[in-house]
Amino acid sequence: MIVEKSIYNLVDTHTFQASIFYIFSGISQTLPFHTFGPAKRHDFIIHFVLSGQGLFFVKDHQFQLKAGDAFLIRPQETSFYQSDIKNPWSYAWISFNGDQAAQIIEELSPFKNHQQVFHTSNNDQYLNLITETLNLSDASPQSELQLNLIVNQLLLQLSKENVPHQAPAPAFKGSRLARLAREYIDNHYEQGISVSDVAHALNIDRSYLSRVFTNNFSMSPKAWLIGVRINKASELLQSQQLTVEKIAEMVGFNNVAVFSRAFLKMTDETPSQYRKQHKRLRTTQVNFSEIQNLINTAKPVRRTT
């Protein structure tokens, strides 16, 4: 089972138009071979690896990450990450955006110069800030202001990191064709396309496409296509009050029964169960030790991060 145990906080609507604003955050202990993605995000998300190890795929790069590493997902960037089967990672994450977010990330943070990852010796400071966000889930204007302040504090801490220049990870061999196929899927999944449609659009043989794609991304193009659709559907189930039928249509399924079976196979939950399970978890004041206890006793779920 590809699962994780999580506690998290999500701000559904914003009272203030801030130059930097908080969106969501959380802490997860993944189980072996837990995966997220492929998915395209609308906002910035930073993960801080607390323990264990895993793989992070973005653009044409693959990173092997461990405790103390942090990785960034930029808006409209398709990414995929996977927990190690023997030493699954735990991580804390925070998502934010705003008019000044890109400038701060690209000019002041360790992620400037198109970097995707960096190693920090200050994990505890980031963890403390993210833990603090989990105590602010009452949806009040005061909590929203405090959450935005925490994001700014975290970005300030990032700007103080003394990180040497890191060369990007090597691009995958044969990555251009695989990248084109992946981008075609990411941009057209809602149109009900099949792998044959992708091969036709790229004017290549379907079997050859599948072989090259699998060699690059360790999954077939069909699995990637289904993953994109189910991850987008899970996002809509959490954030929108749309019917399951409408969500199925929006992510490229022509039949809601086929969608429900695919969703159940990937998440071990029906779409309705998933929506109920992933309502925002509200917490009273807790520290990290208490959060760990909550995570350890939580029901395992898929794809919250």
C-alpha atoms as a PDB file:
ATOM      1  CA  MET A   1       0.000   0.000   0.000  1.00  0.00           C
ATOM      2  CA  ILE A   2       1.345   3.424  -0.952  1.00  0.00           C
ATOM      3  CA  VAL A   3       0.359   5.426   2.117  1.00  0.00           C
ATOM      4  CA  GLU A   4       1.407   8.071   4.611  1.00  0.00           C
ATOM      5  CA  LYS A   5       0.309   9.314   8.020  1.00  0.00           C
ATOM      6  CA  SER A   6      -0.130  13.084   8.131  1.00  0.00           C
ATOM      7  CA  ILE A   7      -1.312  16.040  10.119  1.00  0.00           C
ATOM      8  CA  TYR A   8      -1.859  19.259   8.202  1.00  0.00           C
ATOM      9  CA  ASN A   9      -3.545  22.653   8.023  1.00  0.00           C
ATOM     10  CA  LEU A  10      -5.136  24.289   4.971  1.00  0.00           C
ATOM     11  CA  VAL A  11      -6.463  27.822   4.492  1.00  0.00           C
ATOM     12  CA  ASP A  12      -9.340  27.556   2.032  1.00  0.00           C
ATOM     13  CA  THR A  13     -10.063  31.282   1.626  1.00  0.00           C
ATOM     14  CA  HIS A  14      -7.990  34.377   2.332  1.00  0.00           C
ATOM     15  CA  THR A  15      -9.243  37.523   4.048  1.00  0.00           C
ATOM     16  CA  PHE A  16      -6.213  39.628   3.151  1.00  0.00           C
ATOM     17  CA  GLN A  17      -4.357  40.308  -0.095  1.00  0.00           C
ATOM     18  CA  ALA A  18      -0.796  39.920   1.164  1.00  0.00           C
ATOM     19  CA  SER A  19       2.416  40.088  -0.868  1.00  0.00           C
ATOM     20  CA  ILE A  20       3.339  36.726   0.702  1.00  0.00           C
ATOM     21  CA  PHE A  21       0.571  34.488   1.980  1.00  0.00           C
ATOM     22  CA  TYR A  22       0.265  31.041   3.560  1.00  0.00           C
ATOM     23  CA  ILE A  23      -1.721  28.264   1.861  1.00  0.00           C
ATOM     24  CA  PHE A  24      -1.111  24.970   3.687  1.00  0.00           C
ATOM     25  CA  SER A  25       1.420  22.992   5.681  1.00  0.00           C
ATOM     26  CA  GLY A  26       1.868  19.654   7.384  1.00  0.00           C
ATOM     27  CA  ILE A  27       4.062  16.861   8.630  1.00  0.00           C
ATOM     28  CA  SER A  28       4.047  13.295   7.288  1.00  0.00           C
ATOM     29  CA  GLN A  29       5.590   9.971   8.124  1.00  0.00           C
ATOM     30  CA  THR A  30       5.410   8.025   4.879  1.00  0.00           C
ATOM     31  CA  LEU A  31       5.268   4.278   4.585  1.00  0.00           C
ATOM     32  CA  PRO A  32       7.630   2.343   2.274  1.00  0.00           C
ATOM     33  CA  PHE A  33       7.317   3.262  -1.419  1.00  0.00           C
ATOM     34  CA  HIS A  34       4.774   6.027  -0.785  1.00  0.00           C
ATOM     35  CA  THR A  35       4.510   8.214  -3.879  1.00  0.00           C
ATOM     36  CA  PHE A  36       3.048  11.575  -4.749  1.00  0.00           C
ATOM     37  CA  GLY A  37       2.446  12.634  -8.303  1.00  0.00           C
ATOM     38  CA  PRO A  38       2.913  13.173 -11.022  1.00  0.00           C
ATOM     39  CA  ALA A  39       1.176  16.436 -10.252  1.00  0.00           C
ATOM     40  CA  LYS A  40       1.394  20.084 -11.215  1.00  0.00           C
ATOM     41  CA  ARG A  41       1.048  22.588  -8.369  1.00  0.00           C
ATOM     42  CA  HIS A  42      -0.317  26.130  -8.496  1.00  0.00           C
ATOM     43  CA  ASP A  43       1.826  27.483  -5.657  1.00  0.00           C
ATOM     44  CA  PHE A  44       5.281  27.173  -4.115  1.00  0.00           C
ATOM     45  CA  ILE A  45       5.808  24.158  -1.838  1.00  0.00           C
ATOM     46  CA  ILE A  46       8.951  23.416   0.167  1.00  0.00           C
ATOM     47  CA  HIS A  47       9.515  20.008   1.782  1.00  0.00           C
ATOM     48  CA  PHE A  48      12.075  19.543   4.571  1.00  0.00           C
ATOM     49  CA  VAL A  49      13.197  15.926   4.935  1.00  0.00           C
ATOM     50  CA  LEU A  50      13.291  15.009   8.645  1.00  0.00           C
ATOM     51  CA  SER A  51      14.381  11.385   8.446  1.00  0.00           C
ATOM     52  CA  GLY A  52      14.765   8.525   5.990  1.00  0.00           C
ATOM     53  CA  GLN A  53      15.304   9.009   2.278  1.00  0.00           C
ATOM     54  CA  GLY A  54      13.533   9.136  -1.067  1.00  0.00           C
ATOM     55  CA  LEU A  55      13.606  10.238  -4.700  1.00  0.00           C
ATOM     56  CA  PHE A  56      12.462  13.551  -6.152  1.00  0.00           C
ATOM     57  CA  PHE A  57      11.815  13.914  -9.898  1.00  0.00           C
ATOM     58  CA  VAL A  58      11.318  17.333 -11.494  1.00  0.00           C
ATOM     59  CA  LYS A  59      11.888  18.562 -15.045  1.00  0.00           C
ATOM     60  CA  ASP A  60      14.592  16.242 -16.396  1.00  0.00           C
ATOM     61  CA  HIS A  61      16.309  15.753 -13.052  1.00  0.00           C
ATOM     62  CA  GLN A  62      16.293  13.084 -10.396  1.00  0.00           C
ATOM     63  CA  PHE A  63      17.493  13.720  -6.833  1.00  0.00           C
ATOM     64  CA  GLN A  64      18.256  11.166  -4.110  1.00  0.00           C
ATOM     65  CA  LEU A  65      17.392  12.985  -0.860  1.00  0.00           C
ATOM     66  CA  LYS A  66      17.899  12.270   2.836  1.00  0.00           C
ATOM     67  CA  ALA A  67      17.413  13.901   6.243  1.00  0.00           C
ATOM     68  CA  GLY A  68      18.495  17.550   6.176  1.00  0.00           C
ATOM     69  CA  ASP A  69      17.679  18.007   2.491  1.00  0.00           C
ATOM     70  CA  ALA A  70      14.939  20.342   1.313  1.00  0.00           C
ATOM     71  CA  PHE A  71      13.252  20.408  -2.084  1.00  0.00           C
ATOM     72  CA  LEU A  72      11.183  23.048  -3.834  1.00  0.00           C
ATOM     73  CA  ILE A  73       8.226  22.639  -6.182  1.00  0.00           C
ATOM     74  CA  ARG A  74       7.521  25.792  -8.172  1.00  0.00           C
ATOM     75  CA  PRO A  75       4.105  26.804  -9.558  1.00  0.00           C
ATOM     76  CA  GLN A  76       3.141  24.939 -12.737  1.00  0.00           C
ATOM     77  CA  GLU A  77       6.054  22.525 -12.310  1.00  0.00           C
ATOM     78  CA  THR A  78       5.214  18.849 -12.684  1.00  0.00           C
ATOM     79  CA  SER A  79       6.913  16.759 -10.019  1.00  0.00           C
ATOM     80  CA  PHE A  80       6.922  13.250  -8.646  1.00  0.00           C
ATOM     81  CA  TYR A  81       8.452  11.956  -5.433  1.00  0.00           C
ATOM     82  CA  GLN A  82       8.777   8.544  -3.867  1.00  0.00           C
ATOM     83  CA  SER A  83       9.700   7.248  -0.435  1.00  0.00           C
ATOM     84  CA  ASP A  84      12.470   4.680  -0.064  1.00  0.00           C
ATOM     85  CA  ILE A  85      11.203   1.131   0.311  1.00  0.00           C
ATOM     86  CA  LYS A  86      13.657   0.278   3.135  1.00  0.00           C
ATOM     87  CA  ASN A  87      14.077   3.654   4.850  1.00  0.00           C
ATOM     88  CA  PRO A  88      10.922   5.699   4.127  1.00  0.00           C
ATOM     89  CA  TRP A  89      11.231   9.398   4.741  1.00  0.00           C
ATOM     90  CA  SER A  90       9.294  11.743   6.956  1.00  0.00           C
ATOM     91  CA  TYR A  91       9.011  15.390   6.010  1.00  0.00           C
ATOM     92  CA  ALA A  92       7.453  18.709   6.912  1.00  0.00           C
ATOM     93  CA  TRP A  93       6.113  20.946   4.175  1.00  0.00           C
ATOM     94  CA  ILE A  94       4.713  24.415   3.669  1.00  0.00           C
ATOM     95  CA  SER A  95       2.987  26.027   0.686  1.00  0.00           C
ATOM     96  CA  PHE A  96       2.735  29.739  -0.035  1.00  0.00           C
ATOM     97  CA  ASN A  97       2.410  32.284  -2.812  1.00  0.00           C
ATOM     98  CA  GLY A  98       2.038  36.002  -3.428  1.00  0.00           C
ATOM     99  CA  ASP A  99       3.255  38.812  -5.635  1.00  0.00           C
ATOM    100  CA  GLN A 100       6.737  38.780  -4.086  1.00  0.00           C
ATOM    101  CA  ALA A 101       7.104  35.017  -3.600  1.00  0.00           C
ATOM    102  CA  ALA A 102       8.913  34.287  -6.861  1.00  0.00           C
ATOM    103  CA  GLN A 103      11.325  37.201  -6.450  1.00  0.00           C
ATOM    104  CA  ILE A 104      12.277  36.138  -2.922  1.00  0.00           C
ATOM    105  CA  ILE A 105      12.748  32.504  -3.928  1.00  0.00           C
ATOM    106  CA  GLU A 106      14.762  33.299  -7.046  1.00  0.00           C
ATOM    107  CA  GLU A 107      16.930  36.083  -5.591  1.00  0.00           C
ATOM    108  CA  LEU A 108      17.334  35.456  -1.860  1.00  0.00           C
ATOM    109  CA  SER A 109      16.828  31.766  -1.153  1.00  0.00           C
ATOM    110  CA  PRO A 110      19.052  28.688  -1.627  1.00  0.00           C
ATOM    111  CA  PHE A 111      16.769  27.847  -4.568  1.00  0.00           C
ATOM    112  CA  LYS A 112      18.032  30.742  -6.686  1.00  0.00           C
ATOM    113  CA  ASN A 113      19.761  30.024  -9.995  1.00  0.00           C
ATOM    114  CA  HIS A 114      17.101  27.379 -10.767  1.00  0.00           C
ATOM    115  CA  GLN A 115      18.130  25.133  -7.882  1.00  0.00           C
ATOM    116  CA  GLN A 116      15.594  22.531  -6.782  1.00  0.00           C
ATOM    117  CA  VAL A 117      17.239  21.169  -3.621  1.00  0.00           C
ATOM    118  CA  PHE A 118      19.663  22.174  -0.887  1.00  0.00           C
ATOM    119  CA  HIS A 119      20.995  20.731   2.371  1.00  0.00           C
ATOM    120  CA  THR A 120      20.445  22.541   5.662  1.00  0.00           C
ATOM    121  CA  SER A 121      21.738  22.169   9.211  1.00  0.00           C
ATOM    122  CA  ASN A 122      18.761  24.218  10.440  1.00  0.00           C
ATOM    123  CA  ASN A 123      15.986  21.656  10.038  1.00  0.00           C
ATOM    124  CA  ASP A 124      14.789  22.202  13.620  1.00  0.00           C
ATOM    125  CA  GLN A 125      14.112  25.879  12.981  1.00  0.00           C
ATOM    126  CA  TYR A 126      11.996  25.128   9.913  1.00  0.00           C
ATOM    127  CA  LEU A 127      10.212  22.310  11.737  1.00  0.00           C
ATOM    128  CA  ASN A 128       9.373  24.602  14.664  1.00  0.00           C
ATOM    129  CA  LEU A 129       7.861  27.180  12.318  1.00  0.00           C
ATOM    130  CA  ILE A 130       5.785  24.581  10.470  1.00  0.00           C
ATOM    131  CA  THR A 131       4.644  23.034  13.766  1.00  0.00           C
ATOM    132  CA  GLU A 132       3.475  26.487  14.838  1.00  0.00           C
ATOM    133  CA  THR A 133       1.257  26.734  11.742  1.00  0.00           C
ATOM    134  CA  LEU A 134      -0.589  23.599  12.815  1.00  0.00           C
ATOM    135  CA  ASN A 135      -1.782  25.431  15.926  1.00  0.00           C
ATOM    136  CA  LEU A 136      -3.494  28.110  13.822  1.00  0.00           C
ATOM    137  CA  SER A 137      -6.322  26.234  12.135  1.00  0.00           C
ATOM    138  CA  ASP A 138      -9.317  28.188  13.471  1.00  0.00           C
ATOM    139  CA  ALA A 139      -9.725  30.168  10.201  1.00  0.00           C
ATOM    140  CA  SER A 140      -9.785  33.524  12.026  1.00  0.00           C
ATOM    141  CA  PRO A 141      -8.336  36.712  10.474  1.00  0.00           C
ATOM    142  CA  GLN A 142      -5.854  36.844  13.349  1.00  0.00           C
ATOM    143  CA  SER A 143      -4.613  33.319  12.605  1.00  0.00           C
ATOM    144  CA  GLU A 144      -4.332  34.148   8.920  1.00  0.00           C
ATOM    145  CA  LEU A 145      -2.126  37.132   9.764  1.00  0.00           C
ATOM    146  CA  GLN A 146       0.005  34.949  12.013  1.00  0.00           C
ATOM    147  CA  LEU A 147       0.325  32.265   9.314  1.00  0.00           C
ATOM    148  CA  ASN A 148       1.462  34.863   6.787  1.00  0.00           C
ATOM    149  CA  LEU A 149       3.995  36.122   9.325  1.00  0.00           C
ATOM    150  CA  ILE A 150       5.352  32.593   9.801  1.00  0.00           C
ATOM    151  CA  VAL A 151       5.849  32.212   6.039  1.00  0.00           C
ATOM    152  CA  ASN A 152       7.851  35.437   6.041  1.00  0.00           C
ATOM    153  CA  GLN A 153       9.915  34.195   8.992  1.00  0.00           C
ATOM    154  CA  LEU A 154      10.637  30.969   7.161  1.00  0.00           C
ATOM    155  CA  LEU A 155      11.676  32.832   4.006  1.00  0.00           C
ATOM    156  CA  LEU A 156      13.911  35.073   6.103  1.00  0.00           C
ATOM    157  CA  GLN A 157      15.577  31.975   7.559  1.00  0.00           C
ATOM    158  CA  LEU A 158      16.063  30.596   4.044  1.00  0.00           C
ATOM    159  CA  SER A 159      17.752  33.838   2.989  1.00  0.00           C
ATOM    160  CA  LYS A 160      20.331  33.319   5.746  1.00  0.00           C
ATOM    161  CA  GLU A 161      21.358  29.857   4.558  1.00  0.00           C
ATOM    162  CA  ASN A 162      24.999  29.704   3.484  1.00  0.00           C
ATOM    163  CA  VAL A 163      24.723  27.185   0.668  1.00  0.00           C
ATOM    164  CA  PRO A 164      27.503  26.616  -1.882  1.00  0.00           C
ATOM    165  CA  HIS A 165      26.532  26.528  -5.551  1.00  0.00           C
ATOM    166  CA  GLN A 166      25.154  23.137  -6.523  1.00  0.00           C
ATOM    167  CA  ALA A 167      25.138  21.823 -10.064  1.00  0.00           C
ATOM    168  CA  PRO A 168      21.805  20.381 -11.189  1.00  0.00           C
ATOM    169  CA  ALA A 169      21.458  16.635 -11.220  1.00  0.00           C
ATOM    170  CA  PRO A 170      22.295  15.058 -14.571  1.00  0.00           C
ATOM    171  CA  ALA A 171      19.471  14.996 -17.083  1.00  0.00           C
ATOM    172  CA  PHE A 172      17.973  11.644 -17.914  1.00  0.00           C
ATOM    173  CA  LYS A 173      19.312   9.916 -21.005  1.00  0.00           C
ATOM    174  CA  GLY A 174      16.836  10.228 -23.831  1.00  0.00           C
ATOM    175  CA  SER A 175      14.943  12.753 -21.771  1.00  0.00           C
ATOM    176  CA  ARG A 176      13.718  14.957 -24.622  1.00  0.00           C
ATOM    177  CA  LEU A 177      11.209  12.442 -25.963  1.00  0.00           C
ATOM    178  CA  ALA A 178      10.114  11.392 -22.481  1.00  0.00           C
ATOM    179  CA  ARG A 179       9.794  15.038 -21.462  1.00  0.00           C
ATOM    180  CA  LEU A 180       7.696  15.875 -24.518  1.00  0.00           C
ATOM    181  CA  ALA A 181       5.394  12.941 -23.810  1.00  0.00           C
ATOM    182  CA  ARG A 182       5.096  13.901 -20.150  1.00  0.00           C
ATOM    183  CA  GLU A 183       4.371  17.529 -21.022  1.00  0.00           C
ATOM    184  CA  TYR A 184       1.737  16.461 -23.547  1.00  0.00           C
ATOM    185  CA  ILE A 185       0.021  14.350 -20.886  1.00  0.00           C
ATOM    186  CA  ASP A 186       0.266  17.126 -18.280  1.00  0.00           C
ATOM    187  CA  ASN A 187      -1.288  19.657 -20.672  1.00  0.00           C
ATOM    188  CA  HIS A 188      -4.011  17.466 -22.221  1.00  0.00           C
ATOM    189  CA  TYR A 189      -5.022  14.900 -19.567  1.00  0.00           C
ATOM    190  CA  GLU A 190      -8.439  16.529 -19.069  1.00  0.00           C
ATOM    191  CA  GLN A 191      -9.323  15.907 -22.731  1.00  0.00           C
ATOM    192  CA  GLY A 192      -9.782  12.155 -22.327  1.00  0.00           C
ATOM    193  CA  ILE A 193      -6.580  11.264 -24.184  1.00  0.00           C
ATOM    194  CA  SER A 194      -5.003   7.795 -24.268  1.00  0.00           C
ATOM    195  CA  VAL A 195      -1.374   6.708 -24.588  1.00  0.00           C
ATOM    196  CA  SER A 196      -2.033   6.061 -28.284  1.00  0.00           C
ATOM    197  CA  ASP A 197      -3.120   9.689 -28.650  1.00  0.00           C
ATOM    198  CA  VAL A 198       0.155  10.802 -27.071  1.00  0.00           C
ATOM    199  CA  ALA A 199       2.168   8.594 -29.446  1.00  0.00           C
ATOM    200  CA  HIS A 200       0.189   9.911 -32.417  1.00  0.00           C
ATOM    201  CA  ALA A 201       0.745  13.532 -31.360  1.00  0.00           C
ATOM    202  CA  LEU A 202       4.502  12.913 -31.171  1.00  0.00           C
ATOM    203  CA  ASN A 203       4.492  10.823 -34.366  1.00  0.00           C
ATOM    204  CA  ILE A 204       6.171   7.813 -32.748  1.00  0.00           C
ATOM    205  CA  ASP A 205       5.339   4.167 -32.167  1.00  0.00           C
ATOM    206  CA  ARG A 206       3.291   3.505 -29.026  1.00  0.00           C
ATOM    207  CA  SER A 207       5.498   0.638 -27.859  1.00  0.00           C
ATOM    208  CA  TYR A 208       8.656   2.695 -28.333  1.00  0.00           C
ATOM    209  CA  LEU A 209       7.098   5.576 -26.408  1.00  0.00           C
ATOM    210  CA  SER A 210       6.198   3.276 -23.524  1.00  0.00           C
ATOM    211  CA  ARG A 211       9.705   1.835 -23.395  1.00  0.00           C
ATOM    212  CA  VAL A 212      11.477   5.213 -23.430  1.00  0.00           C
ATOM    213  CA  PHE A 213       9.034   6.748 -20.965  1.00  0.00           C
ATOM    214  CA  THR A 214       9.347   3.870 -18.509  1.00  0.00           C
ATOM    215  CA  ASN A 215      13.150   3.944 -18.717  1.00  0.00           C
ATOM    216  CA  ASN A 216      13.120   7.633 -17.820  1.00  0.00           C
ATOM    217  CA  PHE A 217      10.428   7.846 -15.166  1.00  0.00           C
ATOM    218  CA  SER A 218      10.239   4.303 -13.760  1.00  0.00           C
ATOM    219  CA  MET A 219       6.554   4.108 -14.672  1.00  0.00           C
ATOM    220  CA  SER A 220       4.599   3.630 -17.857  1.00  0.00           C
ATOM    221  CA  PRO A 221       2.950   6.556 -19.654  1.00  0.00           C
ATOM    222  CA  LYS A 222      -0.433   5.005 -18.811  1.00  0.00           C
ATOM    223  CA  ALA A 223       0.443   4.990 -15.099  1.00  0.00           C
ATOM    224  CA  TRP A 224       1.621   8.609 -15.375  1.00  0.00           C
ATOM    225  CA  LEU A 225      -1.605   9.627 -17.130  1.00  0.00           C
ATOM    226  CA  ILE A 226      -3.757   7.953 -14.485  1.00  0.00           C
ATOM    227  CA  GLY A 227      -1.592   9.443 -11.738  1.00  0.00           C
ATOM    228  CA  VAL A 228      -2.010  12.976 -13.094  1.00  0.00           C
ATOM    229  CA  ARG A 229      -5.771  12.533 -13.311  1.00  0.00           C
ATOM    230  CA  ILE A 230      -6.196  11.007  -9.855  1.00  0.00           C
ATOM    231  CA  ASN A 231      -3.936  13.573  -8.199  1.00  0.00           C
ATOM    232  CA  LYS A 232      -5.850  16.434  -9.802  1.00  0.00           C
ATOM    233  CA  ALA A 233      -9.106  14.778  -8.773  1.00  0.00           C
ATOM    234  CA  SER A 234      -7.890  14.424  -5.177  1.00  0.00           C
ATOM    235  CA  GLU A 235      -7.008  18.131  -5.156  1.00  0.00           C
ATOM    236  CA  LEU A 236     -10.487  19.042  -6.397  1.00  0.00           C
ATOM    237  CA  LEU A 237     -12.147  16.718  -3.876  1.00  0.00           C
ATOM    238  CA  GLN A 238     -10.350  18.528  -1.067  1.00  0.00           C
ATOM    239  CA  SER A 239     -10.801  22.094  -2.288  1.00  0.00           C
ATOM    240  CA  GLN A 240     -14.071  22.184  -4.265  1.00  0.00           C
ATOM    241  CA  GLN A 241     -17.663  21.244  -3.499  1.00  0.00           C
ATOM    242  CA  LEU A 242     -18.197  19.740  -6.949  1.00  0.00           C
ATOM    243  CA  THR A 243     -19.968  16.453  -7.562  1.00  0.00           C
ATOM    244  CA  VAL A 244     -17.884  13.341  -8.117  1.00  0.00           C
ATOM    245  CA  GLU A 245     -19.364  13.125 -11.603  1.00  0.00           C
ATOM    246  CA  LYS A 246     -18.221  16.654 -12.445  1.00  0.00           C
ATOM    247  CA  ILE A 247     -14.716  16.052 -11.093  1.00  0.00           C
ATOM    248  CA  ALA A 248     -14.429  12.841 -13.110  1.00  0.00           C
ATOM    249  CA  GLU A 249     -15.316  14.787 -16.255  1.00  0.00           C
ATOM    250  CA  MET A 250     -12.879  17.608 -15.426  1.00  0.00           C
ATOM    251  CA  VAL A 251      -9.897  15.238 -15.146  1.00  0.00           C
ATOM    252  CA  GLY A 252     -10.593  13.339 -18.366  1.00  0.00           C
ATOM    253  CA  PHE A 253     -12.789  10.379 -17.406  1.00  0.00           C
ATOM    254  CA  ASN A 254     -15.830   9.822 -19.611  1.00  0.00           C
ATOM    255  CA  ASN A 255     -17.425   7.428 -17.145  1.00  0.00           C
ATOM    256  CA  VAL A 256     -17.783   8.105 -13.421  1.00  0.00           C
ATOM    257  CA  ALA A 257     -17.742   4.370 -12.598  1.00  0.00           C
ATOM    258  CA  VAL A 258     -14.394   3.958 -14.373  1.00  0.00           C
ATOM    259  CA  PHE A 259     -13.111   7.006 -12.497  1.00  0.00           C
ATOM    260  CA  SER A 260     -14.271   5.661  -9.136  1.00  0.00           C
ATOM    261  CA  ARG A 261     -12.609   2.289  -9.757  1.00  0.00           C
ATOM    262  CA  ALA A 262      -9.338   3.954 -10.771  1.00  0.00           C
ATOM    263  CA  PHE A 263      -9.488   6.254  -7.743  1.00  0.00           C
ATOM    264  CA  LEU A 264     -10.160   3.361  -5.386  1.00  0.00           C
ATOM    265  CA  LYS A 265      -7.314   1.317  -6.872  1.00  0.00           C
ATOM    266  CA  MET A 266      -4.827   4.154  -6.390  1.00  0.00           C
ATOM    267  CA  THR A 267      -5.943   5.492  -2.995  1.00  0.00           C
ATOM    268  CA  ASP A 268      -7.770   2.555  -1.326  1.00  0.00           C
ATOM    269  CA  GLU A 269     -10.727   4.914  -0.893  1.00  0.00           C
ATOM    270  CA  THR A 270     -13.725   5.888  -2.982  1.00  0.00           C
ATOM    271  CA  PRO A 271     -13.837   9.558  -4.024  1.00  0.00           C
ATOM    272  CA  SER A 272     -16.520  10.224  -1.382  1.00  0.00           C
ATOM    273  CA  GLN A 273     -14.501   8.500   1.334  1.00  0.00           C
ATOM    274  CA  TYR A 274     -11.407  10.421   0.309  1.00  0.00           C
ATOM    275  CA  ARG A 275     -13.253  13.752   0.515  1.00  0.00           C
ATOM    276  CA  LYS A 276     -14.496  12.939   4.021  1.00  0.00           C
ATOM    277  CA  GLN A 277     -11.097  11.654   5.198  1.00  0.00           C
ATOM    278  CA  HIS A 278      -9.234  14.716   3.930  1.00  0.00           C
ATOM    279  CA  LYS A 279     -11.294  17.449   5.518  1.00  0.00           C
ATOM    280  CA  ARG A 280      -8.989  19.850   7.291  1.00  0.00           C
ATOM    281  CA  LEU A 281      -7.662  18.369  10.525  1.00  0.00           C
ATOM    282  CA  ARG A 282      -8.111  20.942  13.272  1.00  0.00           C
ATOM    283  CA  THR A 283      -5.811  20.745  16.267  1.00  0.00           C
ATOM    284  CA  THR A 284      -5.500  22.418  19.616  1.00  0.00           C
ATOM    285  CA  GLN A 285      -2.133  23.689  20.780  1.00  0.00           C
ATOM    286  CA  VAL A 286       0.373  20.882  20.201  1.00  0.00           C
ATOM    287  CA  ASN A 287       4.126  20.503  20.108  1.00  0.00           C
ATOM    288  CA  PHE A 288       6.100  18.312  17.731  1.00  0.00           C
ATOM    289  CA  SER A 289       6.198  15.332  20.123  1.00  0.00           C
ATOM    290  CA  GLU A 290       2.407  15.423  20.365  1.00  0.00           C
ATOM    291  CA  ILE A 291       2.171  15.757  16.585  1.00  0.00           C
ATOM    292  CA  GLN A 292       4.342  12.668  16.213  1.00  0.00           C
ATOM    293  CA  ASN A 293       1.978  10.785  18.520  1.00  0.00           C
ATOM    294  CA  LEU A 294      -1.016  11.976  16.486  1.00  0.00           C
ATOM    295  CA  ILE A 295       0.653  10.895  13.260  1.00  0.00           C
ATOM    296  CA  ASN A 296       1.607   7.491  14.665  1.00  0.00           C
ATOM    297  CA  THR A 297      -1.966   6.792  15.756  1.00  0.00           C
ATOM    298  CA  ALA A 298      -3.591   8.220  12.619  1.00  0.00           C
ATOM    299  CA  LYS A 299      -5.194   6.130   9.935  1.00  0.00           C
ATOM    300  CA  PRO A 300      -2.807   5.818   6.964  1.00  0.00           C
ATOM    301  CA  VAL A 301      -3.963   7.818   3.933  1.00  0.00           C
ATOM    302  CA  ARG A 302      -2.661   8.553   0.451  1.00  0.00           C
ATOM    303  CA  ARG A 303      -1.669  11.697  -1.407  1.00  0.00           C
ATOM    304  CA  THR A 304      -2.156  14.548   1.042  1.00  0.00           C
ATOM    305  CA  THR A 305       1.199  16.065   0.025  1.00  0.00           C
END
